[in-house]
Amino acid sequence: MENPLLPAFLKSLTKSQRKAYESNQNAIALSYMIPLFIPLYTRYFEAFKAGKKKTEFRTYGKGWNENTCRVGRLVTLSKGYGKYERLTGIIEKFSVHKNTACIRIRVIPPGSPVWRNGCLEAA
């Protein structure tokens, strides 16, 4: 549902402000579409794969914050930077504790009913 105040708000902006607003909205939409890439050491990748690890910890900052780690965003967990061993997951929770970003991830098994043709579909 669209905010009823939005049309009036957009009319009050100058062309450059409107363009900046729209590009920001596009960036937010893209952050949901493009999976967040998370390279991992082998031991942590294997722990995610086995279901023993559910939370990834990163230093809070430009790359790891509330905007980049939105709940519901897809993630690609990679064994290092290689392309051969990867898992797909969804961010379930994001929190910050003492300058550390805590990202809770639910791994989606490739054979699960919601995973078809390399795309996530509604169950």
N, C-alpha and C. Protein backbone atom coordinates (compact mmCIF):
# COMPACT_ATOMS: atom_id res chain seq x y z
N MET A 1 0.84 -1.19 0.00
CA MET A 1 0.00 0.00 0.00
C MET A 1 0.88 1.24 0.00
N GLU A 2 0.60 2.16 -0.87
CA GLU A 2 1.40 3.37 -1.00
C GLU A 2 0.97 4.40 0.05
N ASN A 3 1.94 5.13 0.56
CA ASN A 3 1.70 6.18 1.53
C ASN A 3 0.88 7.30 0.86
N PRO A 4 -0.28 7.71 1.44
CA PRO A 4 -1.12 8.75 0.81
C PRO A 4 -0.44 10.12 0.78
N LEU A 5 0.55 10.35 1.63
CA LEU A 5 1.25 11.63 1.65
C LEU A 5 2.37 11.70 0.62
N LEU A 6 2.73 10.56 0.03
CA LEU A 6 3.86 10.51 -0.88
C LEU A 6 3.71 11.41 -2.11
N PRO A 7 2.57 11.45 -2.82
CA PRO A 7 2.46 12.33 -3.98
C PRO A 7 2.72 13.80 -3.63
N ALA A 8 2.17 14.27 -2.52
CA ALA A 8 2.38 15.66 -2.10
C ALA A 8 3.85 15.89 -1.77
N PHE A 9 4.46 14.91 -1.12
CA PHE A 9 5.88 15.01 -0.77
C PHE A 9 6.73 15.11 -2.04
N LEU A 10 6.46 14.28 -3.03
CA LEU A 10 7.23 14.28 -4.26
C LEU A 10 7.06 15.59 -5.03
N LYS A 11 5.85 16.16 -5.00
CA LYS A 11 5.61 17.43 -5.70
C LYS A 11 6.40 18.57 -5.06
N SER A 12 6.67 18.47 -3.76
CA SER A 12 7.38 19.54 -3.07
C SER A 12 8.89 19.53 -3.35
N LEU A 13 9.39 18.46 -3.97
CA LEU A 13 10.81 18.35 -4.23
C LEU A 13 11.21 19.02 -5.54
N THR A 14 12.46 19.49 -5.59
CA THR A 14 13.00 20.00 -6.85
C THR A 14 13.33 18.80 -7.73
N LYS A 15 13.65 19.04 -9.00
CA LYS A 15 13.98 17.94 -9.91
C LYS A 15 15.17 17.13 -9.39
N SER A 16 16.21 17.82 -8.94
CA SER A 16 17.40 17.09 -8.47
C SER A 16 17.10 16.32 -7.20
N GLN A 17 16.28 16.89 -6.29
CA GLN A 17 15.91 16.17 -5.07
C GLN A 17 15.06 14.94 -5.41
N ARG A 18 14.14 15.09 -6.37
CA ARG A 18 13.29 13.97 -6.77
C ARG A 18 14.13 12.85 -7.38
N LYS A 19 15.09 13.24 -8.22
CA LYS A 19 15.97 12.25 -8.85
C LYS A 19 16.78 11.50 -7.78
N ALA A 20 17.29 12.22 -6.79
CA ALA A 20 18.05 11.59 -5.70
C ALA A 20 17.16 10.65 -4.90
N TYR A 21 15.92 11.08 -4.63
CA TYR A 21 14.97 10.24 -3.89
C TYR A 21 14.69 8.94 -4.65
N GLU A 22 14.42 9.08 -5.95
CA GLU A 22 14.10 7.91 -6.77
C GLU A 22 15.28 6.96 -6.89
N SER A 23 16.50 7.50 -7.03
CA SER A 23 17.67 6.62 -7.13
C SER A 23 17.90 5.89 -5.81
N ASN A 24 17.60 6.56 -4.69
CA ASN A 24 17.72 5.91 -3.38
C ASN A 24 16.70 4.78 -3.26
N GLN A 25 15.46 5.01 -3.75
CA GLN A 25 14.44 3.98 -3.71
C GLN A 25 14.84 2.79 -4.59
N ASN A 26 15.47 3.08 -5.74
CA ASN A 26 15.95 2.01 -6.61
C ASN A 26 17.05 1.22 -5.93
N ALA A 27 17.93 1.91 -5.20
CA ALA A 27 19.02 1.22 -4.48
C ALA A 27 18.45 0.31 -3.41
N ILE A 28 17.41 0.77 -2.72
CA ILE A 28 16.78 -0.05 -1.68
C ILE A 28 16.13 -1.27 -2.32
N ALA A 29 15.44 -1.09 -3.44
CA ALA A 29 14.81 -2.22 -4.14
C ALA A 29 15.87 -3.20 -4.62
N LEU A 30 16.98 -2.69 -5.15
CA LEU A 30 18.05 -3.57 -5.62
C LEU A 30 18.66 -4.36 -4.49
N SER A 31 18.72 -3.77 -3.30
CA SER A 31 19.33 -4.49 -2.18
C SER A 31 18.53 -5.73 -1.82
N TYR A 32 17.24 -5.75 -2.18
CA TYR A 32 16.44 -6.95 -1.96
C TYR A 32 16.65 -7.97 -3.07
N MET A 33 16.93 -7.50 -4.29
CA MET A 33 17.04 -8.40 -5.43
C MET A 33 18.41 -9.05 -5.54
N ILE A 34 19.48 -8.31 -5.29
CA ILE A 34 20.83 -8.84 -5.44
C ILE A 34 21.24 -9.54 -4.15
N PRO A 35 21.60 -10.81 -4.21
CA PRO A 35 22.02 -11.50 -2.99
C PRO A 35 23.30 -10.89 -2.41
N LEU A 36 23.36 -10.85 -1.09
CA LEU A 36 24.54 -10.37 -0.40
C LEU A 36 25.59 -11.48 -0.44
N PHE A 37 26.78 -11.17 -0.93
CA PHE A 37 27.86 -12.16 -1.06
C PHE A 37 28.68 -12.20 0.23
N ILE A 38 28.78 -13.39 0.83
CA ILE A 38 29.52 -13.56 2.07
C ILE A 38 30.57 -14.65 1.89
N PRO A 39 31.84 -14.28 1.66
CA PRO A 39 32.89 -15.30 1.58
C PRO A 39 33.25 -15.79 2.98
N LEU A 40 33.46 -17.09 3.12
CA LEU A 40 33.73 -17.68 4.43
C LEU A 40 34.97 -18.58 4.38
N TYR A 41 35.65 -18.70 5.54
CA TYR A 41 36.69 -19.71 5.67
C TYR A 41 36.01 -21.08 5.56
N THR A 42 36.78 -22.08 5.14
CA THR A 42 36.23 -23.43 4.93
C THR A 42 35.50 -23.96 6.16
N ARG A 43 36.10 -23.80 7.35
CA ARG A 43 35.47 -24.37 8.56
C ARG A 43 34.11 -23.74 8.85
N TYR A 44 33.96 -22.44 8.58
CA TYR A 44 32.67 -21.79 8.82
C TYR A 44 31.66 -22.13 7.73
N PHE A 45 32.13 -22.26 6.49
CA PHE A 45 31.26 -22.67 5.39
C PHE A 45 30.69 -24.06 5.68
N GLU A 46 31.57 -24.98 6.08
CA GLU A 46 31.14 -26.36 6.38
C GLU A 46 30.17 -26.39 7.56
N ALA A 47 30.36 -25.51 8.54
CA ALA A 47 29.44 -25.44 9.68
C ALA A 47 28.05 -24.98 9.23
N PHE A 48 27.98 -23.98 8.35
CA PHE A 48 26.69 -23.56 7.79
C PHE A 48 26.05 -24.70 7.01
N LYS A 49 26.87 -25.39 6.22
CA LYS A 49 26.38 -26.49 5.39
C LYS A 49 25.80 -27.62 6.24
N ALA A 50 26.45 -27.89 7.38
CA ALA A 50 25.99 -28.96 8.28
C ALA A 50 24.86 -28.52 9.19
N GLY A 51 24.54 -27.22 9.19
CA GLY A 51 23.47 -26.72 10.04
C GLY A 51 23.91 -26.41 11.46
N LYS A 52 25.22 -26.43 11.72
CA LYS A 52 25.74 -26.17 13.06
C LYS A 52 25.91 -24.67 13.32
N LYS A 53 26.08 -23.89 12.28
CA LYS A 53 26.27 -22.44 12.42
C LYS A 53 25.08 -21.73 11.78
N LYS A 54 24.53 -20.73 12.47
CA LYS A 54 23.37 -20.01 11.96
C LYS A 54 23.60 -18.50 11.92
N THR A 55 24.65 -18.03 12.58
CA THR A 55 24.90 -16.59 12.67
C THR A 55 26.30 -16.28 12.20
N GLU A 56 26.41 -15.25 11.37
CA GLU A 56 27.71 -14.77 10.90
C GLU A 56 28.00 -13.44 11.58
N PHE A 57 29.23 -13.25 12.02
CA PHE A 57 29.63 -12.03 12.71
C PHE A 57 30.62 -11.28 11.85
N ARG A 58 30.36 -9.99 11.63
CA ARG A 58 31.24 -9.13 10.86
C ARG A 58 31.37 -7.79 11.59
N THR A 59 32.47 -7.09 11.34
CA THR A 59 32.64 -5.76 11.93
C THR A 59 31.61 -4.82 11.33
N TYR A 60 30.85 -4.15 12.20
CA TYR A 60 29.81 -3.23 11.76
C TYR A 60 30.45 -2.07 11.01
N GLY A 61 29.90 -1.73 9.87
CA GLY A 61 30.44 -0.62 9.08
C GLY A 61 29.71 -0.47 7.77
N LYS A 62 30.40 0.10 6.80
CA LYS A 62 29.80 0.41 5.50
C LYS A 62 29.24 -0.82 4.79
N GLY A 63 29.95 -1.92 4.84
CA GLY A 63 29.51 -3.13 4.14
C GLY A 63 28.57 -4.02 4.95
N TRP A 64 28.55 -3.84 6.26
CA TRP A 64 27.75 -4.71 7.13
C TRP A 64 26.94 -3.84 8.07
N ASN A 65 25.77 -3.40 7.61
CA ASN A 65 24.91 -2.54 8.43
C ASN A 65 23.44 -2.85 8.13
N GLU A 66 22.55 -2.05 8.71
CA GLU A 66 21.11 -2.28 8.55
C GLU A 66 20.64 -2.17 7.10
N ASN A 67 21.31 -1.35 6.30
CA ASN A 67 20.90 -1.17 4.91
C ASN A 67 21.33 -2.33 4.03
N THR A 68 22.53 -2.84 4.23
CA THR A 68 23.01 -3.93 3.38
C THR A 68 22.52 -5.29 3.86
N CYS A 69 22.22 -5.42 5.13
CA CYS A 69 21.81 -6.71 5.70
C CYS A 69 20.34 -6.68 6.12
N ARG A 70 19.47 -6.32 5.20
CA ARG A 70 18.04 -6.24 5.50
C ARG A 70 17.44 -7.63 5.70
N VAL A 71 16.54 -7.73 6.67
CA VAL A 71 15.84 -8.99 6.90
C VAL A 71 15.05 -9.34 5.65
N GLY A 72 15.16 -10.58 5.21
CA GLY A 72 14.48 -11.05 4.01
C GLY A 72 15.35 -11.05 2.77
N ARG A 73 16.53 -10.44 2.85
CA ARG A 73 17.42 -10.40 1.69
C ARG A 73 18.10 -11.75 1.51
N LEU A 74 18.25 -12.16 0.27
CA LEU A 74 18.98 -13.39 -0.04
C LEU A 74 20.47 -13.18 0.18
N VAL A 75 21.15 -14.24 0.58
CA VAL A 75 22.61 -14.21 0.73
C VAL A 75 23.21 -15.38 -0.02
N THR A 76 24.43 -15.20 -0.49
CA THR A 76 25.21 -16.27 -1.09
C THR A 76 26.39 -16.51 -0.17
N LEU A 77 26.42 -17.68 0.46
CA LEU A 77 27.54 -18.07 1.30
C LEU A 77 28.52 -18.83 0.43
N SER A 78 29.75 -18.36 0.37
CA SER A 78 30.74 -18.96 -0.51
C SER A 78 31.92 -19.49 0.29
N LYS A 79 32.43 -20.63 -0.13
CA LYS A 79 33.64 -21.19 0.47
C LYS A 79 34.81 -20.43 -0.15
N GLY A 80 35.28 -19.39 0.56
CA GLY A 80 36.28 -18.49 -0.01
C GLY A 80 35.64 -17.65 -1.10
N TYR A 81 36.45 -17.31 -2.10
CA TYR A 81 35.95 -16.51 -3.21
C TYR A 81 35.70 -17.35 -4.46
N GLY A 82 35.83 -18.67 -4.35
CA GLY A 82 35.61 -19.54 -5.50
C GLY A 82 34.14 -19.63 -5.87
N LYS A 83 33.89 -20.18 -7.05
CA LYS A 83 32.51 -20.27 -7.55
C LYS A 83 31.92 -21.67 -7.41
N TYR A 84 32.67 -22.62 -6.88
CA TYR A 84 32.23 -24.01 -6.91
C TYR A 84 31.40 -24.43 -5.71
N GLU A 85 31.73 -23.95 -4.54
CA GLU A 85 30.96 -24.35 -3.36
C GLU A 85 30.25 -23.15 -2.79
N ARG A 86 28.95 -23.11 -2.99
CA ARG A 86 28.14 -21.99 -2.52
C ARG A 86 26.82 -22.49 -1.96
N LEU A 87 26.29 -21.74 -1.01
CA LEU A 87 24.98 -22.00 -0.44
C LEU A 87 24.15 -20.73 -0.57
N THR A 88 22.84 -20.88 -0.62
CA THR A 88 21.93 -19.75 -0.64
C THR A 88 21.17 -19.73 0.66
N GLY A 89 20.93 -18.54 1.18
CA GLY A 89 20.18 -18.40 2.42
C GLY A 89 19.40 -17.10 2.43
N ILE A 90 18.70 -16.88 3.54
CA ILE A 90 17.91 -15.66 3.73
C ILE A 90 18.28 -15.07 5.08
N ILE A 91 18.43 -13.75 5.13
CA ILE A 91 18.70 -13.09 6.41
C ILE A 91 17.41 -13.10 7.22
N GLU A 92 17.48 -13.71 8.41
CA GLU A 92 16.32 -13.79 9.30
C GLU A 92 16.33 -12.69 10.35
N LYS A 93 17.54 -12.28 10.77
CA LYS A 93 17.64 -11.29 11.84
C LYS A 93 18.96 -10.55 11.71
N PHE A 94 18.95 -9.26 12.04
CA PHE A 94 20.18 -8.47 12.05
C PHE A 94 20.21 -7.66 13.33
N SER A 95 21.36 -7.70 14.01
CA SER A 95 21.52 -6.90 15.22
C SER A 95 22.98 -6.46 15.32
N VAL A 96 23.21 -5.48 16.17
CA VAL A 96 24.56 -4.96 16.38
C VAL A 96 24.87 -5.07 17.87
N HIS A 97 26.04 -5.62 18.18
CA HIS A 97 26.48 -5.74 19.57
C HIS A 97 27.95 -5.38 19.65
N LYS A 98 28.26 -4.29 20.34
CA LYS A 98 29.65 -3.84 20.53
C LYS A 98 30.42 -3.75 19.22
N ASN A 99 29.87 -2.99 18.27
CA ASN A 99 30.50 -2.77 16.96
C ASN A 99 30.64 -4.04 16.11
N THR A 100 29.84 -5.06 16.42
CA THR A 100 29.84 -6.29 15.64
C THR A 100 28.45 -6.51 15.06
N ALA A 101 28.38 -6.70 13.74
CA ALA A 101 27.12 -7.02 13.08
C ALA A 101 26.86 -8.51 13.23
N CYS A 102 25.69 -8.85 13.76
CA CYS A 102 25.29 -10.24 13.95
C CYS A 102 24.20 -10.55 12.93
N ILE A 103 24.51 -11.41 11.97
CA ILE A 103 23.59 -11.69 10.86
C ILE A 103 23.12 -13.14 10.98
N ARG A 104 21.85 -13.33 11.32
CA ARG A 104 21.30 -14.68 11.42
C ARG A 104 20.79 -15.09 10.05
N ILE A 105 21.26 -16.25 9.58
CA ILE A 105 20.97 -16.71 8.22
C ILE A 105 20.32 -18.09 8.25
N ARG A 106 19.23 -18.23 7.50
CA ARG A 106 18.62 -19.55 7.32
C ARG A 106 19.05 -20.06 5.95
N VAL A 107 19.81 -21.15 5.94
CA VAL A 107 20.29 -21.74 4.68
C VAL A 107 19.14 -22.49 4.02
N ILE A 108 19.00 -22.29 2.71
CA ILE A 108 17.97 -22.96 1.93
C ILE A 108 18.62 -24.11 1.19
N PRO A 109 18.26 -25.35 1.52
CA PRO A 109 18.84 -26.49 0.80
C PRO A 109 18.44 -26.45 -0.67
N PRO A 110 19.38 -26.73 -1.59
CA PRO A 110 19.06 -26.70 -3.03
C PRO A 110 17.89 -27.59 -3.43
N GLY A 111 17.64 -28.69 -2.73
CA GLY A 111 16.55 -29.59 -3.10
C GLY A 111 15.22 -29.26 -2.44
N SER A 112 15.14 -28.16 -1.69
CA SER A 112 13.90 -27.85 -0.98
C SER A 112 12.80 -27.42 -1.95
N PRO A 113 11.52 -27.57 -1.55
CA PRO A 113 10.41 -27.24 -2.44
C PRO A 113 10.38 -25.78 -2.87
N VAL A 114 10.96 -24.85 -2.09
CA VAL A 114 10.93 -23.43 -2.47
C VAL A 114 12.04 -23.06 -3.42
N TRP A 115 12.94 -24.00 -3.69
CA TRP A 115 14.09 -23.72 -4.54
C TRP A 115 13.90 -24.41 -5.88
N ARG A 116 13.62 -23.61 -6.93
CA ARG A 116 13.39 -24.20 -8.25
C ARG A 116 14.12 -23.39 -9.30
N ASN A 117 14.80 -24.06 -10.19
CA ASN A 117 15.51 -23.42 -11.30
C ASN A 117 16.46 -22.31 -10.85
N GLY A 118 17.08 -22.50 -9.68
CA GLY A 118 18.02 -21.51 -9.18
C GLY A 118 17.36 -20.26 -8.67
N CYS A 119 16.03 -20.27 -8.52
CA CYS A 119 15.29 -19.10 -8.03
C CYS A 119 14.46 -19.48 -6.82
N LEU A 120 14.28 -18.52 -5.95
CA LEU A 120 13.45 -18.74 -4.77
C LEU A 120 12.01 -18.46 -5.13
N GLU A 121 11.13 -19.39 -4.79
CA GLU A 121 9.71 -19.22 -5.08
C GLU A 121 8.91 -19.40 -3.80
N ALA A 122 7.72 -18.84 -3.77
CA ALA A 122 6.85 -18.98 -2.60
C ALA A 122 6.45 -20.43 -2.41
N ALA A 123 6.36 -20.84 -1.18
CA ALA A 123 6.00 -22.24 -0.88
C ALA A 123 4.54 -22.49 -1.15
